All heavy atoms as atom14 arrays in JSON, in Angstrom:
{
  "sequence": "AYSVNGFTCGKKENTVSCRGQFPGVKGTFGA",
  "atom14_mask": [
    [1, 1, 1, 1, 1, 0, 0, 0, 0, 0, 0, 0, 0, 0],
    [1, 1, 1, 1, 1, 1, 1, 1, 1, 1, 1, 1, 0, 0],
    [1, 1, 1, 1, 1, 1, 0, 0, 0, 0, 0, 0, 0, 0],
    [1, 1, 1, 1, 1, 1, 1, 0, 0, 0, 0, 0, 0, 0],
    [1, 1, 1, 1, 1, 1, 1, 1, 0, 0, 0, 0, 0, 0],
    [1, 1, 1, 1, 0, 0, 0, 0, 0, 0, 0, 0, 0, 0],
    [1, 1, 1, 1, 1, 1, 1, 1, 1, 1, 1, 0, 0, 0],
    [1, 1, 1, 1, 1, 1, 1, 0, 0, 0, 0, 0, 0, 0],
    [1, 1, 1, 1, 1, 1, 0, 0, 0, 0, 0, 0, 0, 0],
    [1, 1, 1, 1, 0, 0, 0, 0, 0, 0, 0, 0, 0, 0],
    [1, 1, 1, 1, 1, 1, 1, 1, 1, 0, 0, 0, 0, 0],
    [1, 1, 1, 1, 1, 1, 1, 1, 1, 0, 0, 0, 0, 0],
    [1, 1, 1, 1, 1, 1, 1, 1, 1, 0, 0, 0, 0, 0],
    [1, 1, 1, 1, 1, 1, 1, 1, 0, 0, 0, 0, 0, 0],
    [1, 1, 1, 1, 1, 1, 1, 0, 0, 0, 0, 0, 0, 0],
    [1, 1, 1, 1, 1, 1, 1, 0, 0, 0, 0, 0, 0, 0],
    [1, 1, 1, 1, 1, 1, 0, 0, 0, 0, 0, 0, 0, 0],
    [1, 1, 1, 1, 1, 1, 0, 0, 0, 0, 0, 0, 0, 0],
    [1, 1, 1, 1, 1, 1, 1, 1, 1, 1, 1, 0, 0, 0],
    [1, 1, 1, 1, 0, 0, 0, 0, 0, 0, 0, 0, 0, 0],
    [1, 1, 1, 1, 1, 1, 1, 1, 1, 0, 0, 0, 0, 0],
    [1, 1, 1, 1, 1, 1, 1, 1, 1, 1, 1, 0, 0, 0],
    [1, 1, 1, 1, 1, 1, 1, 0, 0, 0, 0, 0, 0, 0],
    [1, 1, 1, 1, 0, 0, 0, 0, 0, 0, 0, 0, 0, 0],
    [1, 1, 1, 1, 1, 1, 1, 0, 0, 0, 0, 0, 0, 0],
    [1, 1, 1, 1, 1, 1, 1, 1, 1, 0, 0, 0, 0, 0],
    [1, 1, 1, 1, 0, 0, 0, 0, 0, 0, 0, 0, 0, 0],
    [1, 1, 1, 1, 1, 1, 1, 0, 0, 0, 0, 0, 0, 0],
    [1, 1, 1, 1, 1, 1, 1, 1, 1, 1, 1, 0, 0, 0],
    [1, 1, 1, 1, 0, 0, 0, 0, 0, 0, 0, 0, 0, 0],
    [1, 1, 1, 1, 1, 0, 0, 0, 0, 0, 0, 0, 0, 0]
  ],
  "atom14_positions": [
    [[0.89, -1.16, 0.0], [0.0, 0.0, 0.0], [0.93, 1.21, 0.0], [1.63, 1.45, 0.97], [-0.9, 0.0, 1.23], [0.0, 0.0, 0.0], [0.0, 0.0, 0.0], [0.0, 0.0, 0.0], [0.0, 0.0, 0.0], [0.0, 0.0, 0.0], [0.0, 0.0, 0.0], [0.0, 0.0, 0.0], [0.0, 0.0, 0.0], [0.0, 0.0, 0.0]],
    [[0.97, 1.93, -1.1], [1.93, 3.01, -1.27], [1.52, 4.29, -0.54], [0.37, 4.7, -0.6], [2.13, 3.31, -2.76], [2.87, 2.22, -3.46], [2.19, 1.23, -4.17], [4.25, 2.14, -3.39], [2.88, 0.21, -4.8], [4.95, 1.12, -4.03], [4.25, 0.16, -4.73], [4.94, -0.85, -5.34], [0.0, 0.0, 0.0], [0.0, 0.0, 0.0]],
    [[2.48, 4.89, 0.14], [2.3, 6.18, 0.81], [3.01, 7.24, -0.02], [4.2, 7.51, 0.18], [2.87, 6.13, 2.23], [2.15, 5.23, 3.03], [0.0, 0.0, 0.0], [0.0, 0.0, 0.0], [0.0, 0.0, 0.0], [0.0, 0.0, 0.0], [0.0, 0.0, 0.0], [0.0, 0.0, 0.0], [0.0, 0.0, 0.0], [0.0, 0.0, 0.0]],
    [[2.29, 7.81, -0.97], [2.85, 8.82, -1.88], [1.75, 9.8, -2.26], [0.58, 9.58, -1.93], [3.45, 8.18, -3.16], [4.68, 7.35, -2.84], [2.43, 7.34, -3.9], [0.0, 0.0, 0.0], [0.0, 0.0, 0.0], [0.0, 0.0, 0.0], [0.0, 0.0, 0.0], [0.0, 0.0, 0.0], [0.0, 0.0, 0.0], [0.0, 0.0, 0.0]],
    [[2.11, 10.84, -2.97], [1.15, 11.81, -3.52], [0.22, 12.4, -2.47], [-0.96, 12.62, -2.71], [0.34, 11.17, -4.66], [1.18, 10.9, -5.88], [2.0, 11.73, -6.26], [1.0, 9.76, -6.5], [0.0, 0.0, 0.0], [0.0, 0.0, 0.0], [0.0, 0.0, 0.0], [0.0, 0.0, 0.0], [0.0, 0.0, 0.0], [0.0, 0.0, 0.0]],
    [[0.75, 12.65, -1.26], [-0.03, 13.29, -0.21], [-0.84, 12.34, 0.65], [-1.58, 12.77, 1.52], [0.0, 0.0, 0.0], [0.0, 0.0, 0.0], [0.0, 0.0, 0.0], [0.0, 0.0, 0.0], [0.0, 0.0, 0.0], [0.0, 0.0, 0.0], [0.0, 0.0, 0.0], [0.0, 0.0, 0.0], [0.0, 0.0, 0.0], [0.0, 0.0, 0.0]],
    [[-0.72, 11.03, 0.43], [-1.46, 10.04, 1.21], [-0.5, 9.13, 1.97], [0.55, 8.76, 1.47], [-2.37, 9.2, 0.31], [-3.61, 9.94, -0.08], [-3.59, 10.84, -1.12], [-4.79, 9.76, 0.62], [-4.72, 11.56, -1.47], [-5.93, 10.47, 0.29], [-5.9, 11.37, -0.76], [0.0, 0.0, 0.0], [0.0, 0.0, 0.0], [0.0, 0.0, 0.0]],
    [[-0.9, 8.79, 3.18], [-0.15, 7.85, 4.01], [-1.02, 6.62, 4.17], [-2.17, 6.7, 4.6], [0.15, 8.46, 5.39], [0.9, 9.66, 5.2], [0.94, 7.5, 6.25], [0.0, 0.0, 0.0], [0.0, 0.0, 0.0], [0.0, 0.0, 0.0], [0.0, 0.0, 0.0], [0.0, 0.0, 0.0], [0.0, 0.0, 0.0], [0.0, 0.0, 0.0]],
    [[-0.45, 5.48, 3.8], [-1.2, 4.22, 3.85], [-0.47, 3.2, 4.72], [0.75, 3.22, 4.82], [-1.37, 3.64, 2.46], [-2.29, 4.71, 1.33], [0.0, 0.0, 0.0], [0.0, 0.0, 0.0], [0.0, 0.0, 0.0], [0.0, 0.0, 0.0], [0.0, 0.0, 0.0], [0.0, 0.0, 0.0], [0.0, 0.0, 0.0], [0.0, 0.0, 0.0]],
    [[-1.23, 2.33, 5.33], [-0.67, 1.25, 6.12], [-1.43, -0.03, 5.82], [-2.59, 0.0, 5.4], [0.0, 0.0, 0.0], [0.0, 0.0, 0.0], [0.0, 0.0, 0.0], [0.0, 0.0, 0.0], [0.0, 0.0, 0.0], [0.0, 0.0, 0.0], [0.0, 0.0, 0.0], [0.0, 0.0, 0.0], [0.0, 0.0, 0.0], [0.0, 0.0, 0.0]],
    [[-0.76, -1.14, 6.04], [-1.39, -2.43, 5.79], [-1.09, -3.35, 6.96], [0.06, -3.47, 7.4], [-0.85, -3.03, 4.49], [-1.52, -4.32, 4.11], [-1.06, -4.79, 2.74], [-1.79, -6.07, 2.4], [-1.39, -6.61, 1.12], [0.0, 0.0, 0.0], [0.0, 0.0, 0.0], [0.0, 0.0, 0.0], [0.0, 0.0, 0.0], [0.0, 0.0, 0.0]],
    [[-2.12, -4.0, 7.47], [-1.97, -5.0, 8.51], [-2.79, -6.2, 8.08], [-4.01, -6.11, 7.94], [-2.46, -4.47, 9.85], [-2.22, -5.42, 10.99], [-2.55, -4.8, 12.32], [-2.21, -5.78, 13.41], [-2.5, -5.23, 14.73], [0.0, 0.0, 0.0], [0.0, 0.0, 0.0], [0.0, 0.0, 0.0], [0.0, 0.0, 0.0], [0.0, 0.0, 0.0]],
    [[-2.11, -7.3, 7.82], [-2.72, -8.49, 7.24], [-3.41, -8.09, 5.94], [-2.75, -7.59, 5.05], [-3.65, -9.16, 8.24], [-2.91, -9.69, 9.46], [-3.82, -10.34, 10.47], [-4.99, -10.63, 10.16], [-3.34, -10.58, 11.58], [0.0, 0.0, 0.0], [0.0, 0.0, 0.0], [0.0, 0.0, 0.0], [0.0, 0.0, 0.0], [0.0, 0.0, 0.0]],
    [[-4.7, -8.26, 5.81], [-5.41, -7.92, 4.57], [-6.06, -6.54, 4.6], [-6.68, -6.13, 3.63], [-6.49, -8.96, 4.27], [-5.9, -10.31, 3.98], [-4.76, -10.42, 3.55], [-6.67, -11.36, 4.21], [0.0, 0.0, 0.0], [0.0, 0.0, 0.0], [0.0, 0.0, 0.0], [0.0, 0.0, 0.0], [0.0, 0.0, 0.0], [0.0, 0.0, 0.0]],
    [[-5.94, -5.83, 5.72], [-6.6, -4.54, 5.87], [-5.66, -3.4, 5.49], [-4.54, -3.33, 5.98], [-7.1, -4.34, 7.31], [-7.97, -5.43, 7.63], [-7.84, -3.03, 7.46], [0.0, 0.0, 0.0], [0.0, 0.0, 0.0], [0.0, 0.0, 0.0], [0.0, 0.0, 0.0], [0.0, 0.0, 0.0], [0.0, 0.0, 0.0], [0.0, 0.0, 0.0]],
    [[-6.14, -2.52, 4.62], [-5.38, -1.35, 4.18], [-6.14, -0.1, 4.6], [-7.36, -0.04, 4.48], [-5.2, -1.35, 2.64], [-4.56, -0.05, 2.16], [-4.4, -2.54, 2.2], [0.0, 0.0, 0.0], [0.0, 0.0, 0.0], [0.0, 0.0, 0.0], [0.0, 0.0, 0.0], [0.0, 0.0, 0.0], [0.0, 0.0, 0.0], [0.0, 0.0, 0.0]],
    [[-5.4, 0.87, 5.12], [-6.02, 2.17, 5.43], [-5.14, 3.27, 4.85], [-3.92, 3.18, 4.86], [-6.19, 2.35, 6.94], [-4.93, 2.36, 7.56], [0.0, 0.0, 0.0], [0.0, 0.0, 0.0], [0.0, 0.0, 0.0], [0.0, 0.0, 0.0], [0.0, 0.0, 0.0], [0.0, 0.0, 0.0], [0.0, 0.0, 0.0], [0.0, 0.0, 0.0]],
    [[-5.79, 4.29, 4.32], [-5.07, 5.44, 3.76], [-5.75, 6.72, 4.23], [-6.97, 6.76, 4.41], [-5.11, 5.43, 2.24], [-4.14, 4.14, 1.49], [0.0, 0.0, 0.0], [0.0, 0.0, 0.0], [0.0, 0.0, 0.0], [0.0, 0.0, 0.0], [0.0, 0.0, 0.0], [0.0, 0.0, 0.0], [0.0, 0.0, 0.0], [0.0, 0.0, 0.0]],
    [[-4.92, 7.75, 4.4], [-5.42, 9.05, 4.83], [-4.53, 10.11, 4.19], [-3.32, 9.96, 4.14], [-5.35, 9.13, 6.35], [-5.99, 10.33, 6.95], [-6.04, 10.15, 8.48], [-6.59, 11.3, 9.12], [-7.89, 11.52, 9.3], [-8.75, 10.64, 8.87], [-8.31, 12.6, 9.88], [0.0, 0.0, 0.0], [0.0, 0.0, 0.0], [0.0, 0.0, 0.0]],
    [[-5.15, 11.19, 3.69], [-4.34, 12.24, 3.1], [-5.19, 13.35, 2.53], [-6.4, 13.42, 2.75], [0.0, 0.0, 0.0], [0.0, 0.0, 0.0], [0.0, 0.0, 0.0], [0.0, 0.0, 0.0], [0.0, 0.0, 0.0], [0.0, 0.0, 0.0], [0.0, 0.0, 0.0], [0.0, 0.0, 0.0], [0.0, 0.0, 0.0], [0.0, 0.0, 0.0]],
    [[-4.52, 14.23, 1.78], [-5.19, 15.4, 1.2], [-5.05, 15.38, -0.32], [-4.01, 14.99, -0.85], [-4.56, 16.68, 1.7], [-4.97, 17.04, 3.11], [-4.49, 18.43, 3.45], [-3.3, 18.65, 3.61], [-5.41, 19.36, 3.55], [0.0, 0.0, 0.0], [0.0, 0.0, 0.0], [0.0, 0.0, 0.0], [0.0, 0.0, 0.0], [0.0, 0.0, 0.0]],
    [[-6.12, 15.82, -0.96], [-6.07, 16.01, -2.4], [-5.55, 17.43, -2.67], [-5.81, 18.35, -1.88], [-7.47, 15.84, -3.01], [-7.96, 14.43, -2.97], [-9.04, 14.08, -2.18], [-7.36, 13.44, -3.73], [-9.51, 12.77, -2.13], [-7.82, 12.13, -3.7], [-8.9, 11.79, -2.9], [0.0, 0.0, 0.0], [0.0, 0.0, 0.0], [0.0, 0.0, 0.0]],
    [[-4.83, 17.64, -3.76], [-4.25, 18.96, -4.04], [-5.33, 20.04, -4.2], [-6.3, 19.85, -4.94], [-3.48, 18.76, -5.34], [-4.04, 17.52, -5.94], [-4.55, 16.68, -4.81], [0.0, 0.0, 0.0], [0.0, 0.0, 0.0], [0.0, 0.0, 0.0], [0.0, 0.0, 0.0], [0.0, 0.0, 0.0], [0.0, 0.0, 0.0], [0.0, 0.0, 0.0]],
    [[-5.15, 21.13, -3.47], [-6.07, 22.26, -3.57], [-7.41, 22.06, -2.88], [-8.31, 22.87, -3.04], [0.0, 0.0, 0.0], [0.0, 0.0, 0.0], [0.0, 0.0, 0.0], [0.0, 0.0, 0.0], [0.0, 0.0, 0.0], [0.0, 0.0, 0.0], [0.0, 0.0, 0.0], [0.0, 0.0, 0.0], [0.0, 0.0, 0.0], [0.0, 0.0, 0.0]],
    [[-7.56, 20.99, -2.11], [-8.81, 20.7, -1.42], [-8.57, 20.72, 0.09], [-7.64, 20.08, 0.58], [-9.36, 19.31, -1.83], [-10.63, 18.98, -1.06], [-9.61, 19.25, -3.33], [0.0, 0.0, 0.0], [0.0, 0.0, 0.0], [0.0, 0.0, 0.0], [0.0, 0.0, 0.0], [0.0, 0.0, 0.0], [0.0, 0.0, 0.0], [0.0, 0.0, 0.0]],
    [[-9.4, 21.47, 0.81], [-9.27, 21.53, 2.26], [-9.79, 20.24, 2.88], [-10.74, 19.65, 2.4], [-10.05, 22.71, 2.82], [-9.46, 24.05, 2.45], [-10.25, 25.17, 3.08], [-9.65, 26.51, 2.67], [-10.38, 27.63, 3.26], [0.0, 0.0, 0.0], [0.0, 0.0, 0.0], [0.0, 0.0, 0.0], [0.0, 0.0, 0.0], [0.0, 0.0, 0.0]],
    [[-9.17, 19.84, 3.96], [-9.63, 18.66, 4.69], [-8.8, 17.43, 4.39], [-8.0, 17.39, 3.47], [0.0, 0.0, 0.0], [0.0, 0.0, 0.0], [0.0, 0.0, 0.0], [0.0, 0.0, 0.0], [0.0, 0.0, 0.0], [0.0, 0.0, 0.0], [0.0, 0.0, 0.0], [0.0, 0.0, 0.0], [0.0, 0.0, 0.0], [0.0, 0.0, 0.0]],
    [[-9.01, 16.44, 5.22], [-8.3, 15.17, 5.1], [-9.32, 14.1, 4.72], [-10.43, 14.08, 5.23], [-7.63, 14.81, 6.44], [-6.75, 15.87, 6.8], [-6.83, 13.53, 6.34], [0.0, 0.0, 0.0], [0.0, 0.0, 0.0], [0.0, 0.0, 0.0], [0.0, 0.0, 0.0], [0.0, 0.0, 0.0], [0.0, 0.0, 0.0], [0.0, 0.0, 0.0]],
    [[-8.91, 13.2, 3.86], [-9.78, 12.14, 3.36], [-9.13, 10.8, 3.66], [-7.91, 10.68, 3.66], [-10.0, 12.3, 1.86], [-10.64, 13.6, 1.5], [-9.86, 14.74, 1.33], [-12.0, 13.7, 1.38], [-10.45, 15.96, 1.03], [-12.6, 14.91, 1.07], [-11.82, 16.04, 0.9], [0.0, 0.0, 0.0], [0.0, 0.0, 0.0], [0.0, 0.0, 0.0]],
    [[-9.96, 9.8, 3.89], [-9.41, 8.49, 4.19], [-10.36, 7.37, 3.82], [-11.53, 7.6, 3.52], [0.0, 0.0, 0.0], [0.0, 0.0, 0.0], [0.0, 0.0, 0.0], [0.0, 0.0, 0.0], [0.0, 0.0, 0.0], [0.0, 0.0, 0.0], [0.0, 0.0, 0.0], [0.0, 0.0, 0.0], [0.0, 0.0, 0.0], [0.0, 0.0, 0.0]],
    [[-9.81, 6.16, 3.84], [-10.6, 4.97, 3.55], [-9.91, 3.77, 4.18], [-8.69, 3.76, 4.36], [-10.76, 4.77, 2.06], [0.0, 0.0, 0.0], [0.0, 0.0, 0.0], [0.0, 0.0, 0.0], [0.0, 0.0, 0.0], [0.0, 0.0, 0.0], [0.0, 0.0, 0.0], [0.0, 0.0, 0.0], [0.0, 0.0, 0.0], [0.0, 0.0, 0.0]]
  ]
}
């Protein structure tokens, strides 16, 4: 799970989580 382009991602077993910002957009987004 790549942590690039303003997003930080982590993987534990089969679960992936990412959190970050899109360019020019206020706020943080995740999944």
